Amino acid sequence: MICRVCKAETPRPVLDLGRTPLANALLRPEDLGRPEPRFPLAVVFCERCTLLQVVETVPPEAMFGEYLYFSSYSDTAVEHARRLVERLVETRGLGARSRVVEIASNDGYLLQWYVARGVPVLGIEPARNVAEVAVARGIPTRSQFFSGAVARALRAEGGAADVIHAHNVLAHVPDPNDIAEGIAILLATEGVAVLEFPYVGDLIDRLEFDTIYHEHLCYFSLGAARTLLARHGLAVEDVERTAIHGGSLRLWVRHASVARPSRAVDTLGAEEGARGMDRLSHYATFSDRVWRLRGELVDLLQRLRAKGKRIAAYGAAAKGSTLLNVFGIDRRLVDFVVDRSPHKQGLSMPGVHIPICAPERLLASQPDYTLLLAWNFAEEILGQQREYRARGGSFIVPVPAPRIIAPGEHPGLGSVRTEGTQIR
């Protein structure tokens, strides 16, 4: 394999999860009897640029042409976006003469807040069905994959962008250099790009192995991201850690010629170096920890079943697909999955064929336990399911170690503090 960022040869193996179906390839009833494509899911580490990355590249068209993830069904994600937009509008003085572009803009969950403030926007969203939803909500959106070539066309057509958003997209592309190049082309001289992605530091520390699936091709540290961006004349001016998606980095990126890196950038960079995140040894025990977790979680579910307990799951999320398939958790252990998105209800989880229902099914069936597959939105989900819990339902949080949250117990899941010395 060739590293996706620095093109070094033969990155070193870290974790092999076997062959799994595509995490978001939910099945219609007529698909259940048909063979499902499965692809190798293995992660390697580049010792030159320190990027953790998936080996196999599945064509993006196979994953994003028709997409079933709509960000607006997460209250947490929508509020996260609202706060960020309000901050940018105020601190950067954005208005009717500004231009904001979002890469992989989904259903407009973020850009809607700019539209409400009268700031011109453009979303770039490859999934046609998702882009159509955004357009219907009044958010200008083009259905295409962002690239350096697209950035040149956008700049020639409408000028540079004052703000570029790229949330949970840098990790999703086969060629991160193409995205970084496009950002450098489209970004105004004094503009800022806001990049967010799950932080590899949290992935390793909290054993968030289920964040690994074929759509997530790269797992960035600050150091790896800085290496990528520097190749295209960009620099990280500030960095923050946020709690969303189990722990993410938010980078404030500008052209290197105008960027003034904050103390937070130096501090986190030094912390990564002190922890050895730039060395293979930092990832050496990750595989053993994953398989130990598999034994603990499956054993717990089997013991509950042996006692006659009924078990459901919450969240037809991509991470849930990874966990179920890699750990071999199917309908013998879990009766059904519930999900808030009507686009997923009536379908089945790939590989394991567990049916997906509306959340109301929890109250209708009142299973004894619900495996929280979408643990990254645990606080939100447990708040929504007060009635289920009041009736005696318990939740099982699977990572970093199986934990039962009994009825009436405060989840106490904690959060990641936000850092950053500059407001951009």
Protein backbone atom coordinates (compact mmCIF):
# COMPACT_ATOMS: atom_id res chain seq x y z
CA MET A 1 0.00 0.00 0.00
CA ILE A 2 1.00 3.61 -0.62
CA CYS A 3 0.23 6.17 2.11
CA ARG A 4 -2.68 8.41 1.17
CA VAL A 5 -0.91 11.60 2.29
CA CYS A 6 2.86 11.34 1.87
CA LYS A 7 2.97 8.42 -0.62
CA ALA A 8 5.41 6.40 1.50
CA GLU A 9 5.35 2.66 0.80
CA THR A 10 4.15 -0.16 3.06
CA PRO A 11 2.65 1.47 6.16
CA ARG A 12 2.74 -0.86 9.16
CA PRO A 13 -0.24 -3.07 10.21
CA VAL A 14 -2.22 -2.02 13.32
CA LEU A 15 -5.62 -3.76 13.25
CA ASP A 16 -7.38 -6.25 10.95
CA LEU A 17 -11.16 -6.45 11.37
CA GLY A 18 -11.66 -9.01 8.60
CA ARG A 19 -14.11 -8.61 5.72
CA THR A 20 -17.23 -6.57 6.44
CA PRO A 21 -20.11 -5.17 4.39
CA LEU A 22 -20.26 -1.44 3.75
CA ALA A 23 -21.42 0.11 7.00
CA ASN A 24 -24.20 2.23 5.52
CA ALA A 25 -25.40 -0.34 2.98
CA LEU A 26 -28.70 -0.94 4.78
CA LEU A 27 -30.82 -3.67 3.25
CA ARG A 28 -34.31 -3.47 1.81
CA PRO A 29 -36.57 -6.49 2.46
CA GLU A 30 -36.03 -7.78 -1.09
CA ASP A 31 -32.24 -7.66 -0.59
CA LEU A 32 -32.09 -9.98 2.42
CA GLY A 33 -31.71 -13.16 0.37
CA ARG A 34 -29.04 -11.79 -1.94
CA PRO A 35 -25.26 -12.01 -1.47
CA GLU A 36 -23.72 -8.92 0.13
CA PRO A 37 -20.38 -7.54 -1.01
CA ARG A 38 -17.78 -7.61 1.74
CA PHE A 39 -14.48 -5.80 1.73
CA PRO A 40 -11.29 -6.13 3.81
CA LEU A 41 -11.25 -3.71 6.76
CA ALA A 42 -7.69 -3.29 8.01
CA VAL A 43 -5.84 -0.28 9.42
CA VAL A 44 -2.17 0.61 8.98
CA PHE A 45 0.17 3.32 10.30
CA CYS A 46 2.52 5.42 8.17
CA GLU A 47 5.79 5.94 10.01
CA ARG A 48 6.73 8.89 7.78
CA CYS A 49 3.68 11.18 8.14
CA THR A 50 2.05 9.41 11.17
CA LEU A 51 -1.33 8.88 9.48
CA LEU A 52 -3.50 5.95 10.57
CA GLN A 53 -5.48 4.77 7.56
CA VAL A 54 -7.65 2.03 6.07
CA VAL A 55 -6.00 -0.15 3.44
CA GLU A 56 -8.93 -0.88 1.13
CA THR A 57 -10.38 1.86 -1.06
CA VAL A 58 -14.00 1.27 -2.00
CA PRO A 59 -15.12 3.53 -4.89
CA PRO A 60 -16.78 6.62 -3.35
CA GLU A 61 -19.69 6.30 -5.77
CA ALA A 62 -20.56 2.96 -4.15
CA MET A 63 -20.85 4.59 -0.73
CA PHE A 64 -22.09 8.12 -1.33
CA GLY A 65 -24.17 8.00 -4.51
CA GLU A 66 -27.30 7.21 -2.49
CA TYR A 67 -26.76 7.94 1.19
CA LEU A 68 -28.93 7.28 4.23
CA TYR A 69 -27.23 9.49 6.82
CA PHE A 70 -29.04 12.79 7.39
CA SER A 71 -27.35 15.01 9.97
CA SER A 72 -30.52 16.88 10.90
CA TYR A 73 -31.87 13.84 12.77
CA SER A 74 -29.28 14.46 15.48
CA ASP A 75 -30.22 17.33 17.79
CA THR A 76 -26.63 17.29 19.07
CA ALA A 77 -25.16 17.76 15.59
CA VAL A 78 -27.60 20.54 14.70
CA GLU A 79 -26.89 22.45 17.92
CA HIS A 80 -23.14 21.91 17.49
CA ALA A 81 -23.44 23.51 14.04
CA ARG A 82 -25.61 26.40 15.23
CA ARG A 83 -23.15 27.44 17.92
CA LEU A 84 -20.24 27.32 15.49
CA VAL A 85 -22.02 29.39 12.84
CA GLU A 86 -23.11 32.02 15.35
CA ARG A 87 -19.52 32.29 16.51
CA LEU A 88 -18.16 32.72 12.98
CA VAL A 89 -20.77 35.24 11.90
CA GLU A 90 -20.02 37.43 14.90
CA THR A 91 -16.25 37.15 15.06
CA ARG A 92 -15.61 37.44 11.33
CA GLY A 93 -18.31 39.97 10.56
CA LEU A 94 -19.99 37.83 7.92
CA GLY A 95 -22.88 39.29 6.00
CA ALA A 96 -24.56 39.61 2.63
CA ARG A 97 -21.25 40.25 0.83
CA SER A 98 -19.54 37.17 2.29
CA ARG A 99 -19.32 33.69 0.79
CA VAL A 100 -19.44 30.42 2.75
CA VAL A 101 -18.86 27.02 1.14
CA GLU A 102 -19.29 23.68 2.85
CA ILE A 103 -17.72 20.50 1.55
CA ALA A 104 -19.95 17.44 2.09
CA SER A 105 -22.77 19.65 3.35
CA ASN A 106 -25.26 16.80 3.88
CA ASP A 107 -28.86 18.01 4.29
CA GLY A 108 -27.93 21.59 5.14
CA TYR A 109 -27.96 21.10 8.90
CA LEU A 110 -25.07 23.60 9.23
CA LEU A 111 -25.59 25.98 6.30
CA GLN A 112 -29.19 26.64 7.35
CA TRP A 113 -27.89 28.81 10.18
CA TYR A 114 -25.96 31.02 7.75
CA VAL A 115 -29.02 31.33 5.51
CA ALA A 116 -31.02 32.47 8.53
CA ARG A 117 -28.46 35.25 9.06
CA GLY A 118 -28.50 36.36 5.41
CA VAL A 119 -25.04 35.02 4.57
CA PRO A 120 -24.69 33.56 1.02
CA VAL A 121 -23.80 29.87 1.04
CA LEU A 122 -23.09 26.97 -1.27
CA GLY A 123 -23.14 23.32 -0.27
CA ILE A 124 -21.20 20.64 -2.13
CA GLU A 125 -22.80 17.25 -1.40
CA PRO A 126 -22.06 14.12 -3.47
CA ALA A 127 -25.13 12.13 -2.37
CA ARG A 128 -27.86 13.25 -4.75
CA ASN A 129 -30.77 12.22 -2.50
CA VAL A 130 -29.32 14.15 0.45
CA ALA A 131 -28.53 17.20 -1.70
CA GLU A 132 -32.15 17.27 -2.89
CA VAL A 133 -33.32 17.52 0.71
CA ALA A 134 -31.02 20.50 1.30
CA VAL A 135 -32.23 22.26 -1.85
CA ALA A 136 -35.86 21.72 -0.80
CA ARG A 137 -34.99 23.51 2.45
CA GLY A 138 -33.75 26.54 0.51
CA ILE A 139 -30.02 25.82 0.77
CA PRO A 140 -28.12 26.13 -2.55
CA THR A 141 -26.41 22.75 -3.00
CA ARG A 142 -24.59 21.03 -5.83
CA SER A 143 -24.39 17.27 -6.02
CA GLN A 144 -20.76 16.50 -6.80
CA PHE A 145 -17.52 15.39 -5.18
CA PHE A 146 -15.27 18.26 -4.13
CA SER A 147 -11.78 18.33 -5.61
CA GLY A 148 -9.05 20.68 -6.76
CA ALA A 149 -10.67 20.88 -10.18
CA VAL A 150 -14.08 21.70 -8.69
CA ALA A 151 -12.48 24.37 -6.49
CA ARG A 152 -10.97 26.07 -9.54
CA ALA A 153 -14.35 26.12 -11.25
CA LEU A 154 -16.09 27.49 -8.16
CA ARG A 155 -13.52 30.24 -7.73
CA ALA A 156 -13.74 31.26 -11.40
CA GLU A 157 -17.51 31.28 -11.18
CA GLY A 158 -18.20 33.02 -7.87
CA GLY A 159 -14.92 34.15 -6.36
CA ALA A 160 -13.04 33.00 -3.28
CA ALA A 161 -14.72 31.75 -0.12
CA ASP A 162 -14.40 33.68 3.11
CA VAL A 163 -15.20 30.57 5.12
CA ILE A 164 -14.94 26.93 4.09
CA HIS A 165 -16.40 24.18 6.24
CA ALA A 166 -15.26 20.57 5.96
CA HIS A 167 -16.82 18.55 8.77
CA ASN A 168 -16.18 14.81 8.83
CA VAL A 169 -15.05 14.83 5.22
CA LEU A 170 -11.24 14.93 5.30
CA ALA A 171 -11.28 11.43 6.78
CA HIS A 172 -13.72 10.15 4.15
CA VAL A 173 -11.80 10.70 0.91
CA PRO A 174 -9.35 8.39 -0.88
CA ASP A 175 -7.04 11.32 -1.70
CA PRO A 176 -6.86 13.88 1.13
CA ASN A 177 -4.34 15.86 -0.93
CA ASP A 178 -7.02 16.62 -3.50
CA ILE A 179 -9.30 18.04 -0.80
CA ALA A 180 -6.50 20.09 0.77
CA GLU A 181 -5.50 21.41 -2.63
CA GLY A 182 -9.10 22.40 -3.31
CA ILE A 183 -9.35 24.24 0.00
CA ALA A 184 -6.15 26.17 -0.76
CA ILE A 185 -7.47 27.15 -4.20
CA LEU A 186 -10.93 28.26 -3.05
CA LEU A 187 -10.04 29.96 0.25
CA ALA A 188 -9.71 33.75 0.21
CA THR A 189 -6.36 35.20 1.22
CA GLU A 190 -7.70 36.28 4.62
CA GLY A 191 -10.26 33.49 4.82
CA VAL A 192 -10.51 30.59 7.24
CA ALA A 193 -11.33 26.92 6.73
CA VAL A 194 -12.90 25.04 9.63
CA LEU A 195 -12.08 21.34 9.56
CA GLU A 196 -13.49 18.76 11.96
CA PHE A 197 -12.79 15.04 12.16
CA PRO A 198 -12.72 12.29 14.81
CA TYR A 199 -9.45 12.52 16.73
CA VAL A 200 -7.21 9.48 16.52
CA GLY A 201 -6.04 10.19 20.07
CA ASP A 202 -9.55 9.55 21.38
CA LEU A 203 -10.06 6.60 19.04
CA ILE A 204 -7.08 4.81 20.60
CA ASP A 205 -7.54 5.95 24.21
CA ARG A 206 -11.25 5.12 24.34
CA LEU A 207 -11.09 2.01 22.16
CA GLU A 208 -13.45 3.53 19.60
CA PHE A 209 -12.65 0.83 17.06
CA ASP A 210 -16.19 0.95 15.65
CA THR A 211 -15.37 4.38 14.22
CA ILE A 212 -13.38 2.38 11.68
CA TYR A 213 -15.29 1.52 8.51
CA HIS A 214 -14.75 1.82 4.78
CA GLU A 215 -16.05 5.38 4.56
CA HIS A 216 -13.52 6.52 7.19
CA LEU A 217 -10.31 6.10 5.25
CA CYS A 218 -8.07 8.25 7.46
CA TYR A 219 -7.69 8.84 11.22
CA PHE A 220 -5.85 12.08 11.84
CA SER A 221 -3.76 13.39 14.68
CA LEU A 222 -2.93 17.09 14.71
CA GLY A 223 0.55 16.19 13.51
CA ALA A 224 -0.70 14.18 10.52
CA ALA A 225 -3.17 16.92 9.58
CA ARG A 226 -0.49 19.60 9.73
CA THR A 227 1.74 17.52 7.46
CA LEU A 228 -1.05 17.18 4.90
CA LEU A 229 -2.02 20.85 4.96
CA ALA A 230 1.57 22.09 4.75
CA ARG A 231 1.94 20.27 1.42
CA HIS A 232 -0.61 22.75 0.03
CA GLY A 233 0.50 26.00 1.61
CA LEU A 234 -1.98 25.81 4.50
CA ALA A 235 -1.36 25.98 8.25
CA VAL A 236 -3.32 25.27 11.42
CA GLU A 237 -3.79 28.58 13.24
CA ASP A 238 -5.82 27.18 16.14
CA VAL A 239 -7.10 23.83 17.38
CA GLU A 240 -9.90 22.78 19.70
CA ARG A 241 -11.00 19.44 21.07
CA THR A 242 -14.74 18.85 21.06
CA ALA A 243 -16.85 16.07 22.48
CA ILE A 244 -18.88 15.36 19.34
CA HIS A 245 -18.58 11.92 17.74
CA GLY A 246 -16.69 10.54 20.70
CA GLY A 247 -13.98 13.20 20.56
CA SER A 248 -13.04 15.31 17.55
CA LEU A 249 -10.51 17.94 16.55
CA ARG A 250 -11.63 21.27 15.15
CA LEU A 251 -8.90 22.97 13.15
CA TRP A 252 -8.92 26.62 12.14
CA VAL A 253 -6.89 26.63 8.93
CA ARG A 254 -5.54 29.57 6.95
CA HIS A 255 -3.01 30.18 4.22
CA ALA A 256 0.45 29.66 5.71
CA SER A 257 1.45 33.17 4.63
CA VAL A 258 -1.04 34.77 7.04
CA ALA A 259 -1.49 32.11 9.73
CA ARG A 260 -0.24 32.78 13.25
CA PRO A 261 -0.36 29.45 15.13
CA SER A 262 -1.83 29.72 18.61
CA ARG A 263 -0.44 28.36 21.85
CA ALA A 264 -3.04 25.59 21.67
CA VAL A 265 -1.48 24.29 18.46
CA ASP A 266 1.98 24.12 20.04
CA THR A 267 0.58 22.57 23.23
CA LEU A 268 -1.33 19.77 21.53
CA GLY A 269 1.54 19.11 19.14
CA ALA A 270 3.92 18.74 22.07
CA GLU A 271 1.43 16.51 23.88
CA GLU A 272 1.17 14.19 20.88
CA GLY A 273 4.92 13.96 20.70
CA ALA A 274 5.26 13.24 24.42
CA ARG A 275 2.66 10.46 24.17
CA GLY A 276 4.44 8.88 21.22
CA MET A 277 1.53 9.29 18.81
CA ASP A 278 4.05 9.72 16.00
CA ARG A 279 5.43 6.22 16.59
CA LEU A 280 4.07 2.77 15.77
CA SER A 281 4.56 1.63 19.37
CA HIS A 282 1.66 3.88 20.46
CA TYR A 283 -0.74 1.65 18.50
CA ALA A 284 0.83 -1.70 19.35
CA THR A 285 -1.79 -2.92 21.87
CA PHE A 286 -4.87 -1.60 20.09
CA SER A 287 -5.70 -4.86 18.34
CA ASP A 288 -5.47 -6.96 21.51
CA ARG A 289 -7.72 -4.50 23.34
CA VAL A 290 -10.36 -4.70 20.60
CA TRP A 291 -10.54 -8.49 20.70
CA ARG A 292 -10.63 -8.47 24.49
CA LEU A 293 -13.61 -6.10 24.29
CA ARG A 294 -15.30 -8.48 21.87
CA GLY A 295 -15.09 -11.28 24.40
CA GLU A 296 -16.43 -9.09 27.21
CA LEU A 297 -19.39 -7.66 25.28
CA VAL A 298 -20.49 -10.90 23.62
CA ASP A 299 -20.20 -12.72 26.94
CA LEU A 300 -22.42 -10.10 28.60
CA LEU A 301 -25.09 -10.35 25.90
CA GLN A 302 -25.03 -14.15 25.98
CA ARG A 303 -25.42 -14.21 29.76
CA LEU A 304 -28.37 -11.83 29.57
CA ARG A 305 -30.00 -13.96 26.88
CA ALA A 306 -29.45 -17.09 28.97
CA LYS A 307 -31.43 -15.41 31.75
CA GLY A 308 -34.32 -14.84 29.35
CA LYS A 309 -33.67 -11.12 28.91
CA ARG A 310 -34.78 -9.36 25.74
CA ILE A 311 -32.21 -7.12 24.02
CA ALA A 312 -32.63 -4.41 21.40
CA ALA A 313 -30.18 -1.82 20.02
CA TYR A 314 -30.34 1.91 19.39
CA GLY A 315 -28.78 3.56 16.34
CA ALA A 316 -28.53 2.14 12.82
CA ALA A 317 -25.26 4.01 12.59
CA ALA A 318 -22.18 3.07 10.59
CA LYS A 319 -20.24 2.45 13.81
CA GLY A 320 -23.03 0.09 14.87
CA SER A 321 -22.61 -1.89 11.67
CA THR A 322 -18.89 -2.28 12.36
CA LEU A 323 -19.46 -3.42 15.95
CA LEU A 324 -22.23 -5.90 15.08
CA ASN A 325 -20.40 -7.47 12.15
CA VAL A 326 -16.91 -7.60 13.65
CA PHE A 327 -18.21 -9.00 16.95
CA GLY A 328 -20.68 -11.38 15.31
CA ILE A 329 -23.72 -9.93 17.08
CA ASP A 330 -26.85 -10.86 15.13
CA ARG A 331 -30.52 -11.70 15.73
CA ARG A 332 -29.56 -14.49 18.10
CA LEU A 333 -28.56 -11.77 20.57
CA VAL A 334 -30.38 -8.60 19.45
CA ASP A 335 -34.04 -8.59 18.41
CA PHE A 336 -34.20 -5.27 16.58
CA VAL A 337 -32.51 -1.89 16.15
CA VAL A 338 -34.33 1.43 16.48
CA ASP A 339 -33.34 4.64 14.74
CA ARG A 340 -34.84 8.10 14.61
CA SER A 341 -34.34 8.53 10.86
CA PRO A 342 -37.37 7.46 8.80
CA HIS A 343 -34.97 6.88 5.90
CA LYS A 344 -33.58 3.86 7.78
CA GLN A 345 -36.76 2.45 9.30
CA GLY A 346 -38.05 -0.67 7.56
CA LEU A 347 -34.56 -1.63 6.41
CA SER A 348 -32.09 -4.06 8.02
CA MET A 349 -28.52 -3.77 9.26
CA PRO A 350 -25.98 -5.03 6.70
CA GLY A 351 -24.39 -8.39 7.31
CA VAL A 352 -26.34 -9.31 10.44
CA HIS A 353 -29.83 -8.56 9.04
CA ILE A 354 -31.28 -7.12 12.25
CA PRO A 355 -34.46 -5.13 11.36
CA ILE A 356 -34.55 -1.36 11.92
CA CYS A 357 -37.64 0.17 13.53
CA ALA A 358 -38.81 3.55 14.80
CA PRO A 359 -37.80 4.46 18.39
CA GLU A 360 -41.42 3.96 19.48
CA ARG A 361 -40.76 0.24 19.23
CA LEU A 362 -38.81 0.45 22.50
CA LEU A 363 -41.96 1.42 24.41
CA ALA A 364 -44.14 -1.00 22.46
CA SER A 365 -41.86 -3.99 23.16
CA GLN A 366 -40.08 -2.74 26.30
CA PRO A 367 -36.92 -4.88 25.94
CA ASP A 368 -34.96 -5.34 29.15
CA TYR A 369 -31.75 -3.94 27.65
CA THR A 370 -30.84 -1.73 24.70
CA LEU A 371 -27.33 -1.84 23.26
CA LEU A 372 -26.36 1.75 22.52
CA LEU A 373 -24.71 1.51 19.10
CA ALA A 374 -24.82 5.30 18.62
CA TRP A 375 -22.92 5.84 21.86
CA ASN A 376 -21.48 9.10 20.51
CA PHE A 377 -24.94 10.63 21.05
CA ALA A 378 -25.55 8.88 24.36
CA GLU A 379 -26.62 11.91 26.37
CA GLU A 380 -29.14 12.94 23.70
CA ILE A 381 -30.58 9.44 23.27
CA LEU A 382 -30.90 8.68 26.97
CA GLY A 383 -32.66 12.00 27.40
CA GLN A 384 -35.12 11.12 24.65
CA GLN A 385 -35.78 7.70 26.17
CA ARG A 386 -36.80 8.79 29.67
CA GLU A 387 -40.09 6.89 29.46
CA TYR A 388 -38.41 3.65 28.38
CA ARG A 389 -35.98 3.99 31.27
CA ALA A 390 -38.75 4.90 33.71
CA ARG A 391 -40.49 1.64 32.80
CA GLY A 392 -37.38 -0.34 33.72
CA GLY A 393 -35.32 -0.36 30.53
CA SER A 394 -31.53 -0.37 30.81
CA PHE A 395 -28.93 0.73 28.27
CA ILE A 396 -25.63 -0.99 27.52
CA VAL A 397 -22.77 1.30 26.43
CA PRO A 398 -20.30 -0.94 24.55
CA VAL A 399 -17.06 1.11 24.52
CA PRO A 400 -14.46 1.45 25.91
CA ALA A 401 -15.77 -1.36 28.13
CA PRO A 402 -19.30 -2.78 28.42
CA ARG A 403 -21.29 -0.81 30.95
CA ILE A 404 -24.93 -1.14 31.96
CA ILE A 405 -26.79 2.09 32.71
CA ALA A 406 -29.66 1.02 34.93
CA PRO A 407 -33.05 2.77 35.05
CA GLY A 408 -32.76 5.99 37.01
CA GLU A 409 -28.96 5.99 36.92
CA HIS A 410 -27.33 9.17 35.61
CA PRO A 411 -25.19 8.16 32.63
CA GLY A 412 -22.17 10.15 33.79
CA LEU A 413 -20.52 9.68 30.43
CA GLY A 414 -18.45 12.85 30.68
CA SER A 415 -17.29 15.08 27.86
CA VAL A 416 -14.19 16.38 26.17
CA ARG A 417 -13.33 19.93 27.11
CA THR A 418 -12.97 22.54 24.40
CA GLU A 419 -9.56 24.07 23.98
CA GLY A 420 -8.20 26.91 21.87
CA THR A 421 -6.78 30.32 22.59
CA GLN A 422 -7.99 32.22 19.53
CA ILE A 423 -11.52 32.96 18.33
CA ARG A 424 -11.72 32.83 14.55
